[in-house]
Amino acid sequence: MQVKLNGQDISTQTTTLLHLLQEYKIDTKSIAVAINLEVIKEDKWHTHPLKDGDTIECLTFLGGG
């Protein structure tokens, strides 16, 4: 299937969000993930299905003042 991950078109056989993050070695600490502009809660990553054409954005939290 074809999806867009952080602005890049990729091809994957992975079926869940968590497996995609693991496949692309994305550090899952302190990130939020949105699929098609909908934030997916971390406790749903292991079951959230991916669909052809999904747009996935991984957002990192930065601290500062």
C-alpha atoms as a PDB file:
ATOM      1  CA  MET A   1       0.000   0.000   0.000  1.00  0.00           C
ATOM      2  CA  GLN A   2       1.054   3.592  -0.541  1.00  0.00           C
ATOM      3  CA  VAL A   3       0.939   6.113   2.305  1.00  0.00           C
ATOM      4  CA  LYS A   4       2.532   9.463   3.045  1.00  0.00           C
ATOM      5  CA  LEU A   5       4.716   9.530   6.171  1.00  0.00           C
ATOM      6  CA  ASN A   6       5.908  12.955   7.318  1.00  0.00           C
ATOM      7  CA  GLY A   7       5.536  14.335   3.803  1.00  0.00           C
ATOM      8  CA  GLN A   8       7.256  11.429   2.011  1.00  0.00           C
ATOM      9  CA  ASP A   9       5.478   8.885  -0.174  1.00  0.00           C
ATOM     10  CA  ILE A  10       6.305   5.382   1.017  1.00  0.00           C
ATOM     11  CA  SER A  11       5.266   1.855   0.209  1.00  0.00           C
ATOM     12  CA  THR A  12       4.574  -0.592   3.041  1.00  0.00           C
ATOM     13  CA  GLN A  13       2.998  -3.963   3.698  1.00  0.00           C
ATOM     14  CA  THR A  14       2.428  -3.022   7.346  1.00  0.00           C
ATOM     15  CA  THR A  15      -1.182  -3.058   8.497  1.00  0.00           C
ATOM     16  CA  THR A  16      -1.112  -1.109  11.790  1.00  0.00           C
ATOM     17  CA  LEU A  17       0.211   2.253  12.863  1.00  0.00           C
ATOM     18  CA  LEU A  18       2.540   0.830  15.528  1.00  0.00           C
ATOM     19  CA  HIS A  19       4.125  -1.588  13.066  1.00  0.00           C
ATOM     20  CA  LEU A  20       4.729   1.274  10.630  1.00  0.00           C
ATOM     21  CA  LEU A  21       6.441   3.338  13.335  1.00  0.00           C
ATOM     22  CA  GLN A  22       8.611   0.330  14.204  1.00  0.00           C
ATOM     23  CA  GLU A  23       9.361  -0.431  10.547  1.00  0.00           C
ATOM     24  CA  TYR A  24      10.664   3.114  10.015  1.00  0.00           C
ATOM     25  CA  LYS A  25      12.447   3.161  13.391  1.00  0.00           C
ATOM     26  CA  ILE A  26      10.542   6.197  14.640  1.00  0.00           C
ATOM     27  CA  ASP A  27      11.202   6.856  18.306  1.00  0.00           C
ATOM     28  CA  THR A  28       7.760   6.626  19.888  1.00  0.00           C
ATOM     29  CA  LYS A  29       8.722   8.480  23.066  1.00  0.00           C
ATOM     30  CA  SER A  30       7.204  11.973  23.308  1.00  0.00           C
ATOM     31  CA  ILE A  31       5.438  12.011  19.946  1.00  0.00           C
ATOM     32  CA  ALA A  32       1.880  12.446  18.781  1.00  0.00           C
ATOM     33  CA  VAL A  33       0.653  10.843  15.590  1.00  0.00           C
ATOM     34  CA  ALA A  34      -2.085  12.108  13.299  1.00  0.00           C
ATOM     35  CA  ILE A  35      -3.572  10.179  10.393  1.00  0.00           C
ATOM     36  CA  ASN A  36      -5.499  12.263   7.889  1.00  0.00           C
ATOM     37  CA  LEU A  37      -5.447  15.148  10.417  1.00  0.00           C
ATOM     38  CA  GLU A  38      -6.976  13.018  13.206  1.00  0.00           C
ATOM     39  CA  VAL A  39      -4.799  12.482  16.281  1.00  0.00           C
ATOM     40  CA  ILE A  40      -4.582   8.780  17.186  1.00  0.00           C
ATOM     41  CA  LYS A  41      -4.182   8.063  20.892  1.00  0.00           C
ATOM     42  CA  GLU A  42      -1.090   6.051  21.762  1.00  0.00           C
ATOM     43  CA  ASP A  43      -3.101   3.209  23.294  1.00  0.00           C
ATOM     44  CA  LYS A  44      -4.729   2.658  19.854  1.00  0.00           C
ATOM     45  CA  TRP A  45      -1.508   2.572  17.799  1.00  0.00           C
ATOM     46  CA  HIS A  46      -1.214  -1.228  17.953  1.00  0.00           C
ATOM     47  CA  THR A  47      -4.732  -1.739  16.531  1.00  0.00           C
ATOM     48  CA  HIS A  48      -5.272   1.320  14.325  1.00  0.00           C
ATOM     49  CA  PRO A  49      -5.443   0.031  10.740  1.00  0.00           C
ATOM     50  CA  LEU A  50      -3.621   1.743   7.916  1.00  0.00           C
ATOM     51  CA  LYS A  51      -5.359   2.337   4.597  1.00  0.00           C
ATOM     52  CA  ASP A  52      -3.960   2.984   1.155  1.00  0.00           C
ATOM     53  CA  GLY A  53      -3.525   6.738   0.697  1.00  0.00           C
ATOM     54  CA  ASP A  54      -3.343   7.636   4.416  1.00  0.00           C
ATOM     55  CA  THR A  55      -1.338  10.720   5.369  1.00  0.00           C
ATOM     56  CA  ILE A  56       0.573  10.123   8.608  1.00  0.00           C
ATOM     57  CA  GLU A  57       2.315  12.891  10.533  1.00  0.00           C
ATOM     58  CA  CYS A  58       4.534  12.262  13.576  1.00  0.00           C
ATOM     59  CA  LEU A  59       4.851  15.337  15.773  1.00  0.00           C
ATOM     60  CA  THR A  60       7.607  15.740  18.343  1.00  0.00           C
ATOM     61  CA  PHE A  61       7.061  17.750  21.496  1.00  0.00           C
ATOM     62  CA  LEU A  62       9.666  20.397  22.264  1.00  0.00           C
ATOM     63  CA  GLY A  63      10.033  22.169  25.562  1.00  0.00           C
ATOM     64  CA  GLY A  64      11.169  25.679  26.034  1.00  0.00           C
ATOM     65  CA  GLY A  65      10.335  28.995  27.463  1.00  0.00           C
END
